[in-house]
Amino acid sequence: MTIPREQLAALDWLACALAVPSQAHLEWVGGAALLPLGERFNAVSMSARLMHAGVGTSDDDAIGDALAELLDGPVIHNSLLHTYHALVEPCPPRRWAYGELAPMLGTGQLLSVPAADRTGPTGLHWAVRPRTTGALCPVPAVAALVSLGMQTLTRSPR
């Protein structure tokens, strides 16, 4: 799989969350790097159930397309844990209104970030790969998707 130069540069930018960015590249050889949150980016953790409700499908390809359009930024899917993590600009998690349903992870926390070639469908992979250096999901777009998923779940029978 050939990774576009812009996407590789975006991963280099994420790697700079570490004091020694080359450490992330070494870890990516094994599939994932553990990166600190809070300075370069935060992550909003969402259950697969909430995401499926928000985008209206559980089809992996359709979810990836919908998230790319709705969130316009990188999203990690951990199919083993049934979670998605939208990478967002750093902001104080206490200002995030959906903390109980979709916690914002930040300073003092770590996130497993998949290598560029990990695009699924199983394990830890990119639902939406980073496109360009510094491009993250806008917090308001993530909030709107979480809100929509929450509304859908409260309206539908379990």
N, C-alpha and C. Protein backbone atom coordinates (compact mmCIF):
# COMPACT_ATOMS: atom_id res chain seq x y z
N MET A 1 0.85 -1.18 0.00
CA MET A 1 0.00 0.00 0.00
C MET A 1 0.90 1.24 0.00
N THR A 2 0.65 2.13 -0.93
CA THR A 2 1.39 3.38 -0.99
C THR A 2 0.64 4.46 -0.23
N ILE A 3 1.32 5.09 0.70
CA ILE A 3 0.73 6.14 1.52
C ILE A 3 1.12 7.49 0.91
N PRO A 4 0.14 8.35 0.62
CA PRO A 4 0.47 9.68 0.07
C PRO A 4 1.39 10.46 1.01
N ARG A 5 2.26 11.25 0.41
CA ARG A 5 3.25 12.04 1.16
C ARG A 5 2.59 12.92 2.22
N GLU A 6 1.42 13.52 1.90
CA GLU A 6 0.73 14.40 2.86
C GLU A 6 0.31 13.63 4.10
N GLN A 7 -0.13 12.38 3.90
CA GLN A 7 -0.54 11.57 5.05
C GLN A 7 0.66 11.15 5.89
N LEU A 8 1.77 10.85 5.25
CA LEU A 8 2.98 10.53 6.01
C LEU A 8 3.46 11.74 6.81
N ALA A 9 3.36 12.93 6.22
CA ALA A 9 3.73 14.15 6.94
C ALA A 9 2.80 14.37 8.13
N ALA A 10 1.52 14.04 7.95
CA ALA A 10 0.55 14.18 9.05
C ALA A 10 0.91 13.24 10.19
N LEU A 11 1.35 12.02 9.88
CA LEU A 11 1.77 11.09 10.93
C LEU A 11 3.06 11.56 11.59
N ASP A 12 3.96 12.15 10.81
CA ASP A 12 5.17 12.74 11.41
C ASP A 12 4.78 13.81 12.43
N TRP A 13 3.77 14.61 12.08
CA TRP A 13 3.30 15.67 12.97
C TRP A 13 2.74 15.06 14.26
N LEU A 14 1.95 13.97 14.14
CA LEU A 14 1.42 13.30 15.33
C LEU A 14 2.58 12.74 16.17
N ALA A 15 3.59 12.18 15.52
CA ALA A 15 4.73 11.61 16.23
C ALA A 15 5.44 12.65 17.09
N CYS A 16 5.34 13.90 16.70
CA CYS A 16 6.00 14.97 17.46
C CYS A 16 5.33 15.21 18.82
N ALA A 17 4.28 14.47 19.12
CA ALA A 17 3.70 14.51 20.47
C ALA A 17 4.69 13.92 21.47
N LEU A 18 5.60 13.08 20.97
CA LEU A 18 6.64 12.50 21.81
C LEU A 18 7.87 13.41 21.81
N ALA A 19 8.61 13.40 22.90
CA ALA A 19 9.85 14.19 22.97
C ALA A 19 10.85 13.70 21.91
N VAL A 20 10.81 12.41 21.61
CA VAL A 20 11.66 11.81 20.59
C VAL A 20 10.73 11.19 19.54
N PRO A 21 10.35 11.95 18.51
CA PRO A 21 9.38 11.47 17.51
C PRO A 21 9.78 10.16 16.84
N SER A 22 11.07 9.90 16.71
CA SER A 22 11.50 8.65 16.07
C SER A 22 11.01 7.42 16.85
N GLN A 23 10.74 7.59 18.15
CA GLN A 23 10.21 6.49 18.96
C GLN A 23 8.85 6.04 18.42
N ALA A 24 8.00 6.99 18.00
CA ALA A 24 6.70 6.64 17.42
C ALA A 24 6.90 5.82 16.16
N HIS A 25 7.84 6.23 15.33
CA HIS A 25 8.09 5.50 14.08
C HIS A 25 8.56 4.07 14.36
N LEU A 26 9.38 3.90 15.39
CA LEU A 26 9.80 2.55 15.78
C LEU A 26 8.61 1.72 16.25
N GLU A 27 7.74 2.33 17.05
CA GLU A 27 6.56 1.62 17.54
C GLU A 27 5.59 1.30 16.41
N TRP A 28 5.49 2.18 15.41
CA TRP A 28 4.58 1.92 14.28
C TRP A 28 5.00 0.70 13.47
N VAL A 29 6.28 0.34 13.52
CA VAL A 29 6.72 -0.89 12.84
C VAL A 29 5.95 -2.08 13.42
N GLY A 30 5.65 -2.02 14.70
CA GLY A 30 4.88 -3.07 15.35
C GLY A 30 3.37 -2.90 15.23
N GLY A 31 2.93 -1.82 14.59
CA GLY A 31 1.50 -1.63 14.35
C GLY A 31 0.87 -0.42 14.99
N ALA A 32 1.40 0.00 16.17
CA ALA A 32 0.79 1.15 16.86
C ALA A 32 1.82 1.82 17.76
N ALA A 33 1.67 3.12 17.91
CA ALA A 33 2.52 3.90 18.81
C ALA A 33 1.66 4.46 19.93
N LEU A 34 2.20 4.51 21.11
CA LEU A 34 1.51 5.08 22.26
C LEU A 34 1.93 6.55 22.37
N LEU A 35 0.97 7.46 22.11
CA LEU A 35 1.27 8.88 22.09
C LEU A 35 0.57 9.62 23.23
N PRO A 36 1.26 10.60 23.82
CA PRO A 36 0.65 11.39 24.89
C PRO A 36 -0.34 12.40 24.32
N LEU A 37 -1.38 12.63 25.06
CA LEU A 37 -2.41 13.60 24.66
C LEU A 37 -2.24 14.89 25.45
N GLY A 38 -2.88 15.95 24.96
CA GLY A 38 -2.95 17.19 25.72
C GLY A 38 -2.19 18.36 25.16
N GLU A 39 -1.10 18.13 24.47
CA GLU A 39 -0.35 19.26 23.92
C GLU A 39 -0.58 19.42 22.42
N ARG A 40 -0.37 18.36 21.68
CA ARG A 40 -0.52 18.42 20.23
C ARG A 40 -1.98 18.14 19.83
N PHE A 41 -2.60 17.20 20.51
CA PHE A 41 -3.99 16.86 20.22
C PHE A 41 -4.61 16.15 21.42
N ASN A 42 -5.94 16.15 21.45
CA ASN A 42 -6.74 15.36 22.39
C ASN A 42 -7.49 14.32 21.58
N ALA A 43 -8.25 13.49 22.26
CA ALA A 43 -9.07 12.50 21.57
C ALA A 43 -10.41 12.39 22.29
N VAL A 44 -11.48 12.27 21.51
CA VAL A 44 -12.80 12.02 22.06
C VAL A 44 -13.10 10.55 21.84
N SER A 45 -13.36 9.84 22.93
CA SER A 45 -13.63 8.41 22.89
C SER A 45 -15.14 8.16 22.77
N MET A 46 -15.53 7.41 21.75
CA MET A 46 -16.95 7.15 21.50
C MET A 46 -17.17 5.66 21.28
N SER A 47 -18.23 5.14 21.84
CA SER A 47 -18.54 3.73 21.63
C SER A 47 -18.98 3.51 20.18
N ALA A 48 -18.77 2.28 19.70
CA ALA A 48 -19.22 1.94 18.35
C ALA A 48 -20.73 2.11 18.25
N ARG A 49 -21.44 1.76 19.30
CA ARG A 49 -22.91 1.90 19.31
C ARG A 49 -23.32 3.36 19.08
N LEU A 50 -22.65 4.28 19.75
CA LEU A 50 -22.94 5.70 19.59
C LEU A 50 -22.61 6.16 18.17
N MET A 51 -21.46 5.71 17.65
CA MET A 51 -21.06 6.09 16.28
C MET A 51 -22.05 5.55 15.26
N HIS A 52 -22.42 4.29 15.41
CA HIS A 52 -23.37 3.69 14.47
C HIS A 52 -24.69 4.44 14.48
N ALA A 53 -25.13 4.84 15.65
CA ALA A 53 -26.37 5.62 15.75
C ALA A 53 -26.21 6.99 15.12
N GLY A 54 -25.06 7.61 15.32
CA GLY A 54 -24.82 8.95 14.79
C GLY A 54 -24.75 9.00 13.28
N VAL A 55 -24.13 7.98 12.67
CA VAL A 55 -23.99 7.98 11.21
C VAL A 55 -25.07 7.16 10.53
N GLY A 56 -25.84 6.41 11.30
CA GLY A 56 -26.97 5.67 10.73
C GLY A 56 -26.63 4.36 10.07
N THR A 57 -25.47 3.79 10.39
CA THR A 57 -25.10 2.49 9.81
C THR A 57 -24.03 1.84 10.67
N SER A 58 -23.88 0.52 10.49
CA SER A 58 -22.79 -0.19 11.16
C SER A 58 -21.82 -0.77 10.13
N ASP A 59 -22.01 -0.45 8.85
CA ASP A 59 -21.12 -0.90 7.79
C ASP A 59 -19.80 -0.11 7.87
N ASP A 60 -18.68 -0.82 8.02
CA ASP A 60 -17.38 -0.16 8.22
C ASP A 60 -17.03 0.83 7.12
N ASP A 61 -17.22 0.45 5.87
CA ASP A 61 -16.89 1.36 4.76
C ASP A 61 -17.76 2.61 4.80
N ALA A 62 -19.05 2.42 5.03
CA ALA A 62 -19.97 3.57 5.09
C ALA A 62 -19.65 4.46 6.28
N ILE A 63 -19.26 3.86 7.40
CA ILE A 63 -18.91 4.65 8.58
C ILE A 63 -17.67 5.50 8.28
N GLY A 64 -16.66 4.90 7.68
CA GLY A 64 -15.45 5.64 7.34
C GLY A 64 -15.75 6.82 6.43
N ASP A 65 -16.59 6.59 5.41
CA ASP A 65 -16.96 7.67 4.48
C ASP A 65 -17.73 8.77 5.21
N ALA A 66 -18.69 8.36 6.07
CA ALA A 66 -19.50 9.33 6.80
C ALA A 66 -18.65 10.14 7.77
N LEU A 67 -17.75 9.47 8.48
CA LEU A 67 -16.88 10.18 9.43
C LEU A 67 -15.94 11.13 8.72
N ALA A 68 -15.42 10.73 7.56
CA ALA A 68 -14.55 11.62 6.79
C ALA A 68 -15.29 12.89 6.39
N GLU A 69 -16.55 12.73 6.03
CA GLU A 69 -17.34 13.89 5.61
C GLU A 69 -17.79 14.73 6.81
N LEU A 70 -18.29 14.08 7.85
CA LEU A 70 -18.86 14.80 8.99
C LEU A 70 -17.79 15.41 9.90
N LEU A 71 -16.69 14.70 10.10
CA LEU A 71 -15.69 15.15 11.07
C LEU A 71 -14.47 15.80 10.42
N ASP A 72 -14.24 15.49 9.16
CA ASP A 72 -13.16 16.14 8.41
C ASP A 72 -11.83 16.10 9.15
N GLY A 73 -11.53 14.94 9.75
CA GLY A 73 -10.28 14.78 10.47
C GLY A 73 -10.04 13.32 10.81
N PRO A 74 -8.90 13.01 11.42
CA PRO A 74 -8.54 11.63 11.69
C PRO A 74 -9.36 10.98 12.80
N VAL A 75 -9.74 9.71 12.53
CA VAL A 75 -10.51 8.93 13.49
C VAL A 75 -9.92 7.52 13.56
N ILE A 76 -9.68 7.06 14.76
CA ILE A 76 -9.14 5.72 15.01
C ILE A 76 -10.29 4.81 15.43
N HIS A 77 -10.29 3.58 14.91
CA HIS A 77 -11.30 2.59 15.32
C HIS A 77 -10.57 1.41 15.96
N ASN A 78 -11.02 1.03 17.13
CA ASN A 78 -10.52 -0.17 17.77
C ASN A 78 -11.67 -1.17 17.76
N SER A 79 -11.64 -2.06 16.78
CA SER A 79 -12.76 -3.00 16.63
C SER A 79 -12.82 -4.01 17.77
N LEU A 80 -11.70 -4.28 18.43
CA LEU A 80 -11.70 -5.21 19.56
C LEU A 80 -12.39 -4.62 20.78
N LEU A 81 -12.22 -3.32 20.98
CA LEU A 81 -12.84 -2.64 22.13
C LEU A 81 -14.15 -1.94 21.75
N HIS A 82 -14.51 -1.99 20.47
CA HIS A 82 -15.75 -1.37 19.98
C HIS A 82 -15.78 0.13 20.29
N THR A 83 -14.64 0.80 20.01
CA THR A 83 -14.55 2.24 20.26
C THR A 83 -13.97 2.96 19.05
N TYR A 84 -14.29 4.25 18.99
CA TYR A 84 -13.72 5.17 18.01
C TYR A 84 -13.09 6.31 18.79
N HIS A 85 -12.02 6.86 18.26
CA HIS A 85 -11.37 8.02 18.86
C HIS A 85 -11.17 9.07 17.78
N ALA A 86 -11.85 10.19 17.92
CA ALA A 86 -11.67 11.32 17.01
C ALA A 86 -10.55 12.19 17.57
N LEU A 87 -9.55 12.47 16.76
CA LEU A 87 -8.46 13.32 17.20
C LEU A 87 -8.88 14.77 17.00
N VAL A 88 -8.81 15.54 18.09
CA VAL A 88 -9.28 16.93 18.10
C VAL A 88 -8.18 17.84 18.64
N GLU A 89 -8.37 19.15 18.42
CA GLU A 89 -7.40 20.10 18.96
C GLU A 89 -7.43 20.04 20.48
N PRO A 90 -6.27 20.34 21.10
CA PRO A 90 -6.24 20.31 22.56
C PRO A 90 -7.16 21.37 23.15
N CYS A 91 -7.95 20.96 24.07
CA CYS A 91 -8.80 21.89 24.82
C CYS A 91 -9.08 21.24 26.17
N PRO A 92 -9.46 22.02 27.17
CA PRO A 92 -9.69 21.44 28.49
C PRO A 92 -10.88 20.48 28.48
N PRO A 93 -10.66 19.21 28.82
CA PRO A 93 -11.76 18.25 28.84
C PRO A 93 -12.93 18.70 29.72
N ARG A 94 -12.68 19.51 30.73
CA ARG A 94 -13.77 19.96 31.61
C ARG A 94 -14.77 20.83 30.85
N ARG A 95 -14.36 21.39 29.71
CA ARG A 95 -15.27 22.22 28.91
C ARG A 95 -16.05 21.40 27.89
N TRP A 96 -15.81 20.10 27.85
CA TRP A 96 -16.48 19.19 26.93
C TRP A 96 -17.80 18.73 27.55
N ALA A 97 -18.89 18.97 26.88
CA ALA A 97 -20.22 18.75 27.45
C ALA A 97 -20.66 17.28 27.48
N TYR A 98 -19.95 16.40 26.82
CA TYR A 98 -20.40 15.01 26.69
C TYR A 98 -19.49 14.02 27.41
N GLY A 99 -18.89 14.46 28.50
CA GLY A 99 -17.89 13.67 29.20
C GLY A 99 -18.31 12.29 29.65
N GLU A 100 -19.55 12.14 30.05
CA GLU A 100 -19.99 10.82 30.52
C GLU A 100 -20.25 9.87 29.36
N LEU A 101 -20.80 10.38 28.29
CA LEU A 101 -21.16 9.55 27.13
C LEU A 101 -19.97 9.33 26.19
N ALA A 102 -19.18 10.36 26.00
CA ALA A 102 -18.04 10.32 25.07
C ALA A 102 -16.92 11.16 25.67
N PRO A 103 -16.13 10.57 26.57
CA PRO A 103 -15.12 11.35 27.28
C PRO A 103 -14.04 11.91 26.35
N MET A 104 -13.60 13.12 26.68
CA MET A 104 -12.46 13.71 25.99
C MET A 104 -11.22 13.35 26.79
N LEU A 105 -10.26 12.75 26.11
CA LEU A 105 -9.01 12.37 26.73
C LEU A 105 -7.98 13.45 26.45
N GLY A 106 -7.20 13.80 27.46
CA GLY A 106 -6.24 14.89 27.29
C GLY A 106 -4.99 14.70 28.13
N THR A 107 -4.48 15.78 28.67
CA THR A 107 -3.22 15.82 29.40
C THR A 107 -3.14 14.69 30.43
N GLY A 108 -2.01 14.00 30.40
CA GLY A 108 -1.77 12.91 31.35
C GLY A 108 -2.28 11.56 30.85
N GLN A 109 -2.88 11.53 29.68
CA GLN A 109 -3.39 10.27 29.13
C GLN A 109 -2.66 9.93 27.84
N LEU A 110 -2.69 8.65 27.50
CA LEU A 110 -2.02 8.14 26.30
C LEU A 110 -3.05 7.51 25.37
N LEU A 111 -2.72 7.51 24.09
CA LEU A 111 -3.60 6.90 23.09
C LEU A 111 -2.78 6.04 22.15
N SER A 112 -3.25 4.83 21.88
CA SER A 112 -2.63 3.98 20.87
C SER A 112 -3.04 4.49 19.50
N VAL A 113 -2.04 4.85 18.70
CA VAL A 113 -2.27 5.42 17.37
C VAL A 113 -1.71 4.43 16.35
N PRO A 114 -2.56 3.96 15.42
CA PRO A 114 -2.10 2.95 14.47
C PRO A 114 -1.12 3.50 13.44
N ALA A 115 -0.34 2.59 12.87
CA ALA A 115 0.57 2.94 11.77
C ALA A 115 -0.27 3.36 10.57
N ALA A 116 0.36 4.06 9.64
CA ALA A 116 -0.33 4.61 8.47
C ALA A 116 -1.02 3.55 7.64
N ASP A 117 -0.46 2.36 7.57
CA ASP A 117 -1.03 1.32 6.72
C ASP A 117 -2.14 0.51 7.39
N ARG A 118 -2.44 0.81 8.62
CA ARG A 118 -3.50 0.09 9.35
C ARG A 118 -4.85 0.72 9.05
N THR A 119 -5.57 0.15 8.11
CA THR A 119 -6.86 0.72 7.71
C THR A 119 -8.01 -0.27 7.88
N GLY A 120 -7.81 -1.28 8.68
CA GLY A 120 -8.91 -2.17 9.05
C GLY A 120 -9.01 -3.39 8.18
N PRO A 121 -10.06 -4.12 8.39
CA PRO A 121 -11.24 -3.79 9.18
C PRO A 121 -11.19 -4.25 10.63
N THR A 122 -10.12 -4.98 11.03
CA THR A 122 -10.09 -5.49 12.39
C THR A 122 -8.95 -4.88 13.19
N GLY A 123 -9.04 -5.04 14.51
CA GLY A 123 -8.00 -4.53 15.39
C GLY A 123 -8.00 -3.01 15.45
N LEU A 124 -6.86 -2.46 15.82
CA LEU A 124 -6.70 -1.02 15.91
C LEU A 124 -6.32 -0.50 14.53
N HIS A 125 -7.13 0.40 13.98
CA HIS A 125 -6.87 0.90 12.63
C HIS A 125 -7.50 2.28 12.43
N TRP A 126 -7.13 2.90 11.32
CA TRP A 126 -7.70 4.19 10.97
C TRP A 126 -9.06 4.00 10.31
N ALA A 127 -10.10 4.59 10.88
CA ALA A 127 -11.38 4.68 10.19
C ALA A 127 -11.27 5.80 9.16
N VAL A 128 -10.55 6.87 9.56
CA VAL A 128 -10.23 7.99 8.67
C VAL A 128 -8.77 8.36 8.96
N ARG A 129 -7.91 8.16 7.97
CA ARG A 129 -6.49 8.50 8.16
C ARG A 129 -6.29 10.01 8.17
N PRO A 130 -5.24 10.46 8.87
CA PRO A 130 -4.90 11.89 8.82
C PRO A 130 -4.59 12.28 7.37
N ARG A 131 -5.08 13.43 6.95
CA ARG A 131 -4.89 13.86 5.56
C ARG A 131 -3.68 14.76 5.40
N THR A 132 -3.58 15.75 6.28
CA THR A 132 -2.52 16.73 6.17
C THR A 132 -1.98 17.09 7.55
N THR A 133 -0.82 17.69 7.57
CA THR A 133 -0.17 18.09 8.82
C THR A 133 -1.07 19.01 9.63
N GLY A 134 -1.30 18.63 10.89
CA GLY A 134 -2.05 19.48 11.81
C GLY A 134 -3.56 19.44 11.66
N ALA A 135 -4.07 18.72 10.66
CA ALA A 135 -5.53 18.66 10.46
C ALA A 135 -6.15 17.71 11.48
N LEU A 136 -7.05 18.24 12.28
CA LEU A 136 -7.75 17.47 13.32
C LEU A 136 -9.25 17.65 13.15
N CYS A 137 -10.03 16.81 13.82
CA CYS A 137 -11.48 16.95 13.78
C CYS A 137 -11.88 18.19 14.58
N PRO A 138 -12.73 19.06 14.02
CA PRO A 138 -13.20 20.20 14.80
C PRO A 138 -14.07 19.73 15.97
N VAL A 139 -13.81 20.27 17.15
CA VAL A 139 -14.57 19.87 18.34
C VAL A 139 -16.09 20.05 18.13
N PRO A 140 -16.56 21.17 17.53
CA PRO A 140 -18.00 21.30 17.32
C PRO A 140 -18.60 20.21 16.42
N ALA A 141 -17.83 19.74 15.43
CA ALA A 141 -18.33 18.67 14.56
C ALA A 141 -18.45 17.36 15.34
N VAL A 142 -17.48 17.08 16.20
CA VAL A 142 -17.54 15.87 17.02
C VAL A 142 -18.71 15.97 17.99
N ALA A 143 -18.89 17.14 18.59
CA ALA A 143 -20.01 17.35 19.52
C ALA A 143 -21.35 17.13 18.80
N ALA A 144 -21.48 17.62 17.58
CA ALA A 144 -22.73 17.45 16.83
C ALA A 144 -22.99 15.98 16.55
N LEU A 145 -21.95 15.23 16.20
CA LEU A 145 -22.13 13.80 15.93
C LEU A 145 -22.50 13.03 17.20
N VAL A 146 -21.84 13.36 18.31
CA VAL A 146 -22.17 12.71 19.59
C VAL A 146 -23.61 13.03 19.97
N SER A 147 -24.02 14.27 19.81
CA SER A 147 -25.39 14.68 20.12
C SER A 147 -26.40 13.92 19.25
N LEU A 148 -26.12 13.82 17.96
CA LEU A 148 -27.01 13.10 17.06
C LEU A 148 -27.11 11.63 17.44
N GLY A 149 -25.97 11.01 17.74
CA GLY A 149 -25.97 9.62 18.16
C GLY A 149 -26.76 9.42 19.44
N MET A 150 -26.57 10.32 20.38
CA MET A 150 -27.30 10.26 21.65
C MET A 150 -28.80 10.38 21.43
N GLN A 151 -29.21 11.33 20.60
CA GLN A 151 -30.64 11.53 20.30
C GLN A 151 -31.21 10.28 19.62
N THR A 152 -30.48 9.72 18.69
CA THR A 152 -30.94 8.52 17.98
C THR A 152 -31.10 7.37 18.94
N LEU A 153 -30.15 7.18 19.83
CA LEU A 153 -30.21 6.08 20.79
C LEU A 153 -31.37 6.22 21.78
N THR A 154 -31.66 7.44 22.18
CA THR A 154 -32.75 7.64 23.15
C THR A 154 -34.12 7.48 22.48
N ARG A 155 -34.19 7.66 21.17
CA ARG A 155 -35.46 7.49 20.43
C ARG A 155 -35.74 6.06 20.04
N SER A 156 -34.68 5.26 19.88
CA SER A 156 -34.89 3.90 19.35
C SER A 156 -34.92 2.87 20.46
N PRO A 157 -35.72 1.81 20.24
CA PRO A 157 -35.76 0.74 21.24
C PRO A 157 -34.44 -0.03 21.22
N ARG A 158 -34.05 -0.56 22.34
CA ARG A 158 -32.77 -1.30 22.43
C ARG A 158 -33.02 -2.65 21.99
